[in-house]
Amino acid sequence: PPGTGKTAIAVAISKELGENVPFIQMSGSEIYSTERKKTEVLIEAIRKCIGVEIHEMRKVYEGEVTMVDIRTAPHPYNPYQKIPESVRLTLKTKDEEKTIEAGASIAQQIIAEGISEGHVIQIDAETGRVVNLGLCLESQKGKTYDVDTRRKIPRPSGKVLKEKEFVYMLTLADLDELNARQRSGSLFSLLFGGPESREIDPEVRMAVDQQVKEWVDSGKAFIHPGVLFIDDAHLLDLEAFSFLSRAMESELVPIIILATNRGVARIRGTDIKSPLGFPLDLLDRAVIIATEPYDIESIREILRIRAAEEKIKVDPEALEKLAEVGAKSSMRYAVQLLSLAAQNARALNKEKVTVEDVQRVDELFMDVGEAAEYLRKYEEKLLIH
């Protein structure tokens, strides 16, 4: 039923899973777009929920910069302008000190990053990528001030040239996007100004799946299946349900949670009535979790937590009155009355919300049942068109 905490379950799941497990929350109405197919939106959401943890060993030069000498040369098109030609660096760790020479690309990165003596840097031996890790605590520039926004780290240990393990957290959707750009289906748009494709070809996704499978078999990557939560799932139509039924039986699939507040309802786009508004073949592949309406003790505890989060002081009698309103009407209506009663108490310069504040806002505003009774009472006087 409505107001029984279905969306709250999704929020709790996202906090319980942690950072490395992907969690995507979407509404059933989000799949409808004039630019993309419904199945494309769904498959992208599913692949965003599958995390890939990639481990890679790379050779890097790492240490504190104790000397940097950038050599320049005249620009080939402007002899009065100097450009970096090479760089000579001395890197120091706790166990070793080494001087290295590098070309123009690394020299340009060092200038762009503003690297000088006292910085701790990392240079990829294969790609030449330079990363500024921060200031060395042991250097003169590493002095700590009371207010200081610069990042400071201790001097690295070990050798200057070392092998380090790098861990990257991506999703299958990220890998799809990277591979689609590399395959450059947008060459026509670059040459003739046409629009780029907003959908990814199935061949790209098959290649990504094959690559990830090879990484997993070799121990280079690990799969983290996440959770896809679709709220108001009764808004999906028969085509979307058919796609989800097939996707549930594939290899790389996250946990899919569909939330709805419908009973026996018509499936969207058809005249077929079915439990929850879902096709029977989809229900056959799923397990159903029922949520019960809150009792008055649960409503009281939820209102107490909500008041503490919003820093609202409430008298016990006022909290009891709000719990009774929530049990009679709905949980959402009671939460709204709590905020309104707090505003009323502030207007009267009160420190706490009292029963009088709750009764006043309850008299001023109507819940759904009272609004329906009001419409029936003045039905003849209300306009139809």
Protein backbone atom coordinates (compact mmCIF):
# COMPACT_ATOMS: atom_id res chain seq x y z
CA PRO A 1 0.00 0.00 0.00
CA PRO A 2 1.05 3.66 -0.35
CA GLY A 3 3.06 5.12 2.52
CA THR A 4 4.44 1.82 3.83
CA GLY A 5 8.14 2.60 3.31
CA LYS A 6 8.95 1.13 -0.13
CA THR A 7 11.19 4.05 -1.14
CA ALA A 8 12.69 4.11 2.36
CA ILE A 9 13.82 0.52 1.78
CA ALA A 10 15.71 1.69 -1.33
CA VAL A 11 17.50 4.42 0.65
CA ALA A 12 18.41 1.93 3.39
CA ILE A 13 19.77 -0.55 0.82
CA SER A 14 21.96 2.12 -0.79
CA LYS A 15 23.50 3.05 2.58
CA GLU A 16 23.97 -0.56 3.64
CA LEU A 17 25.76 -1.68 0.46
CA GLY A 18 28.70 0.73 0.77
CA GLU A 19 30.65 2.74 -1.79
CA ASN A 20 31.99 -0.06 -4.00
CA VAL A 21 28.60 -1.60 -4.75
CA PRO A 22 26.66 0.38 -7.40
CA PHE A 23 23.10 1.40 -6.55
CA ILE A 24 20.79 3.05 -9.08
CA GLN A 25 17.35 4.37 -8.14
CA MET A 26 14.97 5.38 -10.90
CA SER A 27 11.26 5.79 -11.53
CA GLY A 28 9.22 3.79 -14.01
CA SER A 29 8.41 7.00 -15.91
CA GLU A 30 12.10 7.74 -16.65
CA ILE A 31 12.37 5.17 -19.45
CA TYR A 32 10.14 7.15 -21.83
CA SER A 33 12.16 9.45 -24.08
CA THR A 34 11.80 10.88 -27.56
CA GLU A 35 15.53 10.47 -28.25
CA ARG A 36 16.24 6.95 -26.94
CA LYS A 37 14.48 3.62 -26.95
CA LYS A 38 12.96 2.30 -23.73
CA THR A 39 15.14 -0.79 -23.83
CA GLU A 40 18.26 1.36 -24.26
CA VAL A 41 17.45 3.30 -21.07
CA LEU A 42 16.84 0.07 -19.16
CA ILE A 43 19.96 -1.72 -20.36
CA GLU A 44 22.08 1.33 -19.51
CA ALA A 45 20.59 1.41 -16.00
CA ILE A 46 21.27 -2.31 -15.58
CA ARG A 47 24.89 -1.99 -16.72
CA LYS A 48 25.42 1.01 -14.42
CA CYS A 49 24.59 -1.35 -11.54
CA ILE A 50 27.41 -3.79 -12.34
CA GLY A 51 30.73 -2.59 -10.96
CA VAL A 52 34.10 -3.73 -12.28
CA GLU A 53 37.08 -3.47 -9.92
CA ILE A 54 40.21 -3.44 -12.09
CA HIS A 55 43.64 -4.14 -10.60
CA GLU A 56 46.71 -3.13 -12.61
CA MET A 57 50.45 -3.28 -11.84
CA ARG A 58 52.41 -0.41 -13.37
CA LYS A 59 56.01 0.84 -13.14
CA VAL A 60 56.21 4.37 -11.76
CA TYR A 61 58.85 6.86 -10.63
CA GLU A 62 57.78 8.20 -7.24
CA GLY A 63 59.49 10.51 -4.78
CA GLU A 64 60.03 14.03 -3.47
CA VAL A 65 61.38 16.51 -6.02
CA THR A 66 64.65 17.91 -4.70
CA MET A 67 65.83 19.40 -8.00
CA VAL A 68 64.05 20.33 -11.20
CA ASP A 69 65.75 21.80 -14.29
CA ILE A 70 63.56 22.52 -17.30
CA ARG A 71 65.45 23.14 -20.51
CA THR A 72 63.85 25.28 -23.16
CA ALA A 73 64.34 25.74 -26.90
CA PRO A 74 63.11 28.28 -29.47
CA HIS A 75 59.62 27.70 -30.85
CA PRO A 76 59.83 26.33 -34.43
CA TYR A 77 57.42 29.00 -35.71
CA ASN A 78 58.44 31.86 -33.40
CA PRO A 79 62.14 32.06 -32.49
CA TYR A 80 61.44 34.71 -29.81
CA GLN A 81 59.22 32.27 -27.86
CA LYS A 82 60.66 29.51 -25.70
CA ILE A 83 59.04 26.10 -25.27
CA PRO A 84 60.08 23.26 -22.90
CA GLU A 85 62.37 20.79 -24.60
CA SER A 86 63.31 18.41 -21.76
CA VAL A 87 63.47 18.21 -17.99
CA ARG A 88 66.00 16.90 -15.49
CA LEU A 89 64.55 15.76 -12.15
CA THR A 90 65.98 14.47 -8.91
CA LEU A 91 63.54 12.32 -6.93
CA LYS A 92 64.18 11.29 -3.35
CA THR A 93 62.64 8.62 -1.16
CA LYS A 94 63.52 7.47 2.35
CA ASP A 95 65.85 4.85 0.89
CA GLU A 96 67.13 6.24 -2.44
CA GLU A 97 67.79 9.38 -4.46
CA LYS A 98 67.78 9.27 -8.26
CA THR A 99 68.12 11.75 -11.12
CA ILE A 100 66.08 11.13 -14.28
CA GLU A 101 65.70 12.91 -17.61
CA ALA A 102 62.46 13.16 -19.55
CA GLY A 103 61.15 14.72 -22.75
CA ALA A 104 59.00 17.65 -23.68
CA SER A 105 55.60 16.13 -22.82
CA ILE A 106 56.59 15.48 -19.19
CA ALA A 107 58.21 18.92 -18.95
CA GLN A 108 54.95 20.52 -20.13
CA GLN A 109 52.98 18.55 -17.53
CA ILE A 110 55.36 19.65 -14.76
CA ILE A 111 54.91 23.29 -15.74
CA ALA A 112 51.12 22.90 -15.98
CA GLU A 113 50.92 21.22 -12.55
CA GLY A 114 53.13 23.88 -10.96
CA ILE A 115 55.56 21.26 -9.63
CA SER A 116 58.70 22.50 -7.89
CA GLU A 117 61.11 21.41 -5.14
CA GLY A 118 59.27 19.90 -2.18
CA HIS A 119 56.42 18.30 -4.15
CA VAL A 120 55.87 14.54 -4.16
CA ILE A 121 55.14 13.36 -7.69
CA GLN A 122 54.44 10.13 -9.54
CA ILE A 123 55.47 9.54 -13.18
CA ASP A 124 54.13 6.57 -15.13
CA ALA A 125 57.11 4.91 -16.81
CA GLU A 126 55.01 3.71 -19.77
CA THR A 127 52.61 6.56 -20.52
CA GLY A 128 54.57 9.48 -19.04
CA ARG A 129 51.57 10.73 -17.05
CA VAL A 130 52.59 13.01 -14.16
CA VAL A 131 50.55 13.13 -10.93
CA ASN A 132 51.16 15.72 -8.23
CA LEU A 133 50.47 13.90 -4.94
CA GLY A 134 51.09 16.93 -2.68
CA LEU A 135 53.79 18.59 -0.62
CA CYS A 136 56.32 16.52 1.32
CA LEU A 137 56.01 16.92 5.09
CA GLU A 138 59.82 16.65 5.49
CA SER A 139 60.52 19.52 3.07
CA GLN A 140 60.68 23.24 3.85
CA LYS A 141 57.43 23.81 1.93
CA GLY A 142 55.73 21.16 4.04
CA LYS A 143 55.44 23.45 7.05
CA THR A 144 51.96 23.21 8.52
CA TYR A 145 49.96 26.38 9.15
CA ASP A 146 46.85 26.85 11.25
CA VAL A 147 44.84 27.42 8.07
CA ASP A 148 46.28 25.55 5.11
CA THR A 149 44.48 23.98 2.14
CA ARG A 150 47.54 22.35 0.56
CA ARG A 151 47.69 18.57 0.67
CA LYS A 152 50.71 17.18 2.53
CA ILE A 153 51.97 13.61 2.55
CA PRO A 154 55.06 11.90 4.03
CA ARG A 155 58.10 11.15 1.88
CA PRO A 156 57.64 7.80 0.05
CA SER A 157 59.73 4.81 1.07
CA GLY A 158 61.49 2.18 -1.04
CA LYS A 159 63.12 2.75 -4.43
CA VAL A 160 62.33 5.58 -6.81
CA LEU A 161 61.41 3.19 -9.64
CA LYS A 162 58.88 0.69 -8.32
CA GLU A 163 55.89 -1.39 -9.29
CA LYS A 164 52.63 -0.22 -7.77
CA GLU A 165 49.16 -1.68 -7.91
CA PHE A 166 46.43 0.67 -9.08
CA VAL A 167 42.76 -0.08 -8.45
CA TYR A 168 40.04 1.45 -10.63
CA MET A 169 36.31 1.22 -9.94
CA LEU A 170 34.23 1.41 -13.11
CA THR A 171 30.87 0.12 -14.25
CA LEU A 172 29.97 -1.74 -17.42
CA ALA A 173 28.22 1.42 -18.63
CA ASP A 174 31.48 3.38 -18.24
CA LEU A 175 33.37 0.76 -20.25
CA ASP A 176 30.63 0.82 -22.91
CA GLU A 177 31.01 4.59 -23.25
CA LEU A 178 34.81 4.40 -23.49
CA ASN A 179 34.73 1.68 -26.13
CA ALA A 180 32.03 3.46 -28.13
CA ARG A 181 34.18 6.60 -28.26
CA GLN A 182 37.26 4.63 -29.28
CA ARG A 183 35.38 2.98 -32.12
CA SER A 184 34.46 6.52 -33.16
CA GLY A 185 31.07 6.11 -34.67
CA SER A 186 30.94 9.92 -34.65
CA LEU A 187 33.35 10.38 -37.60
CA PHE A 188 30.48 11.54 -39.80
CA SER A 189 29.47 14.14 -37.21
CA LEU A 190 33.04 15.39 -36.96
CA LEU A 191 33.39 15.81 -40.73
CA PHE A 192 29.89 16.95 -41.71
CA GLY A 193 28.38 18.26 -38.47
CA GLY A 194 25.70 15.59 -38.11
CA PRO A 195 24.31 14.56 -34.70
CA GLU A 196 26.18 11.96 -32.69
CA SER A 197 24.47 8.65 -31.90
CA ARG A 198 22.89 8.58 -28.42
CA GLU A 199 22.70 4.78 -28.36
CA ILE A 200 25.48 2.21 -28.05
CA ASP A 201 25.65 -0.66 -30.52
CA PRO A 202 25.12 -4.21 -29.18
CA GLU A 203 28.49 -5.20 -30.71
CA VAL A 204 30.25 -2.71 -28.40
CA ARG A 205 28.57 -4.20 -25.33
CA MET A 206 29.42 -7.74 -26.46
CA ALA A 207 33.08 -6.72 -26.85
CA VAL A 208 33.07 -5.13 -23.38
CA ASP A 209 31.53 -8.27 -21.85
CA GLN A 210 34.19 -10.44 -23.52
CA GLN A 211 36.99 -8.15 -22.32
CA VAL A 212 35.67 -8.11 -18.75
CA LYS A 213 35.34 -11.91 -18.81
CA GLU A 214 39.01 -12.22 -19.84
CA TRP A 215 40.05 -9.82 -17.06
CA VAL A 216 38.10 -11.81 -14.47
CA ASP A 217 39.54 -15.14 -15.69
CA SER A 218 43.07 -13.74 -15.42
CA GLY A 219 42.46 -12.28 -11.95
CA LYS A 220 42.87 -8.71 -13.16
CA ALA A 221 39.29 -7.66 -12.39
CA PHE A 222 36.46 -8.48 -10.01
CA ILE A 223 32.73 -8.09 -10.59
CA HIS A 224 30.55 -6.29 -8.02
CA PRO A 225 26.84 -6.82 -8.85
CA GLY A 226 24.79 -3.91 -7.55
CA VAL A 227 21.11 -3.10 -7.10
CA LEU A 228 18.68 -1.48 -9.55
CA PHE A 229 15.63 -0.08 -7.75
CA ILE A 230 12.70 0.94 -10.01
CA ASP A 231 10.04 2.89 -8.11
CA ASP A 232 6.49 3.09 -9.48
CA ALA A 233 7.25 0.06 -11.64
CA HIS A 234 3.59 -0.21 -12.69
CA LEU A 235 4.32 2.69 -15.09
CA LEU A 236 6.43 0.32 -17.24
CA ASP A 237 4.68 -1.08 -20.30
CA LEU A 238 4.59 -4.60 -21.74
CA GLU A 239 7.73 -4.09 -23.87
CA ALA A 240 9.75 -2.95 -20.85
CA PHE A 241 8.52 -5.90 -18.76
CA SER A 242 9.41 -8.30 -21.57
CA PHE A 243 12.93 -6.86 -21.74
CA LEU A 244 13.37 -7.10 -17.95
CA SER A 245 12.19 -10.73 -17.98
CA ARG A 246 14.89 -11.61 -20.52
CA ALA A 247 17.54 -9.50 -18.76
CA MET A 248 16.93 -11.25 -15.42
CA GLU A 249 18.17 -14.53 -16.89
CA SER A 250 21.41 -13.18 -18.40
CA GLU A 251 24.85 -13.66 -16.84
CA LEU A 252 25.77 -10.09 -15.95
CA VAL A 253 22.70 -8.79 -14.14
CA PRO A 254 22.30 -6.89 -10.84
CA ILE A 255 19.60 -7.41 -8.24
CA ILE A 256 16.46 -5.76 -9.65
CA ILE A 257 13.85 -4.47 -7.18
CA LEU A 258 10.49 -3.31 -8.55
CA ALA A 259 8.28 -1.27 -6.20
CA THR A 260 4.59 -0.61 -6.79
CA ASN A 261 1.49 0.34 -4.82
CA ARG A 262 -1.02 -1.22 -7.21
CA GLY A 263 -3.25 -4.21 -6.51
CA VAL A 264 -4.90 -6.05 -9.40
CA ALA A 265 -4.32 -3.46 -12.12
CA ARG A 266 -4.18 -3.16 -15.89
CA ILE A 267 -0.77 -3.61 -17.48
CA ARG A 268 0.17 -0.37 -19.19
CA GLY A 269 -0.42 -0.43 -22.92
CA THR A 270 -2.79 -3.43 -22.76
CA ASP A 271 -6.28 -4.33 -21.54
CA ILE A 272 -4.91 -7.22 -19.45
CA LYS A 273 -5.40 -7.08 -15.69
CA SER A 274 -2.77 -8.72 -13.52
CA PRO A 275 -1.63 -8.70 -9.87
CA LEU A 276 0.49 -5.58 -9.14
CA GLY A 277 0.10 -4.53 -12.78
CA PHE A 278 2.97 -6.87 -13.78
CA PRO A 279 2.86 -9.65 -16.40
CA LEU A 280 2.52 -13.14 -14.94
CA ASP A 281 5.71 -14.43 -16.58
CA LEU A 282 7.66 -11.66 -14.81
CA LEU A 283 6.00 -12.45 -11.46
CA ASP A 284 6.96 -16.10 -11.96
CA ARG A 285 10.66 -15.08 -12.05
CA ALA A 286 10.45 -12.84 -8.97
CA VAL A 287 10.00 -13.14 -5.23
CA ILE A 288 7.49 -10.76 -3.66
CA ILE A 289 8.12 -8.78 -0.47
CA ALA A 290 5.01 -7.35 1.23
CA THR A 291 5.16 -4.11 3.21
CA GLU A 292 2.62 -3.55 5.98
CA PRO A 293 1.13 -0.19 7.08
CA TYR A 294 2.84 1.38 10.08
CA ASP A 295 1.33 0.90 13.52
CA ILE A 296 1.10 3.87 15.90
CA GLU A 297 4.34 2.94 17.73
CA SER A 298 6.30 2.93 14.46
CA ILE A 299 4.75 6.25 13.38
CA ARG A 300 5.68 7.80 16.73
CA GLU A 301 9.29 6.62 16.41
CA ILE A 302 9.60 7.84 12.81
CA LEU A 303 8.22 11.26 13.77
CA ARG A 304 10.64 11.45 16.70
CA ILE A 305 13.59 10.70 14.38
CA ARG A 306 12.33 13.20 11.80
CA ALA A 307 11.97 15.90 14.46
CA ALA A 308 15.52 15.24 15.67
CA GLU A 309 16.87 15.47 12.09
CA GLU A 310 15.09 18.79 11.50
CA LYS A 311 16.14 20.02 14.98
CA ILE A 312 12.54 20.47 16.10
CA LYS A 313 11.75 20.23 19.81
CA VAL A 314 8.39 18.51 20.35
CA ASP A 315 6.43 17.96 23.54
CA PRO A 316 5.48 14.31 24.24
CA GLU A 317 1.77 15.22 24.06
CA ALA A 318 2.27 16.89 20.66
CA LEU A 319 4.21 13.86 19.39
CA GLU A 320 1.38 11.59 20.54
CA LYS A 321 -1.17 13.80 18.75
CA LEU A 322 0.89 13.67 15.53
CA ALA A 323 1.14 9.87 15.82
CA GLU A 324 -2.66 9.66 16.13
CA VAL A 325 -3.06 11.85 13.04
CA GLY A 326 -0.61 9.64 11.14
CA ALA A 327 -2.47 6.47 12.14
CA LYS A 328 -5.82 7.99 11.12
CA SER A 329 -4.66 9.64 7.88
CA SER A 330 -1.17 8.80 6.58
CA MET A 331 2.47 8.91 7.55
CA ARG A 332 3.29 11.58 4.96
CA TYR A 333 0.50 13.85 6.19
CA ALA A 334 1.79 13.58 9.78
CA VAL A 335 5.33 14.51 8.66
CA GLN A 336 3.97 17.56 6.82
CA LEU A 337 1.99 18.62 9.90
CA LEU A 338 5.18 18.34 11.98
CA SER A 339 6.94 20.94 9.78
CA LEU A 340 3.87 23.19 9.74
CA ALA A 341 3.44 22.97 13.53
CA ALA A 342 7.12 23.90 13.95
CA GLN A 343 6.57 27.01 11.79
CA ASN A 344 3.53 27.92 13.87
CA ALA A 345 5.53 27.53 17.09
CA ARG A 346 8.32 29.77 15.74
CA ALA A 347 5.78 32.44 14.80
CA LEU A 348 4.56 32.45 18.41
CA ASN A 349 8.15 32.48 19.77
CA LYS A 350 7.85 29.05 21.36
CA GLU A 351 10.83 26.81 21.96
CA LYS A 352 8.83 23.58 21.58
CA VAL A 353 5.95 22.36 19.46
CA THR A 354 2.88 21.88 21.66
CA VAL A 355 -0.45 20.17 21.22
CA GLU A 356 -2.07 23.54 20.45
CA ASP A 357 0.29 24.02 17.46
CA VAL A 358 -0.58 20.59 16.08
CA GLN A 359 -4.31 21.15 16.56
CA ARG A 360 -4.14 24.54 14.85
CA VAL A 361 -2.40 23.31 11.69
CA ASP A 362 -4.63 20.21 11.66
CA GLU A 363 -7.67 22.49 11.58
CA LEU A 364 -6.19 24.73 8.87
CA PHE A 365 -5.19 21.94 6.47
CA MET A 366 -7.04 18.88 5.18
CA ASP A 367 -5.89 15.37 4.47
CA VAL A 368 -7.11 13.32 1.50
CA GLY A 369 -10.15 11.95 3.32
CA GLU A 370 -11.26 15.38 4.54
CA ALA A 371 -10.72 16.86 1.07
CA ALA A 372 -12.89 14.14 -0.49
CA GLU A 373 -15.63 14.80 2.09
CA TYR A 374 -15.40 18.52 1.32
CA LEU A 375 -15.83 17.86 -2.41
CA ARG A 376 -18.90 15.68 -1.78
CA LYS A 377 -20.40 18.37 0.46
CA TYR A 378 -20.06 21.13 -2.15
CA GLU A 379 -20.35 18.95 -5.23
CA GLU A 380 -23.28 20.90 -6.67
CA LYS A 381 -21.52 24.26 -6.30
CA LEU A 382 -18.18 23.21 -7.81
CA LEU A 383 -17.43 23.67 -11.50
CA ILE A 384 -17.20 20.56 -13.67
CA HIS A 385 -15.36 22.03 -16.68
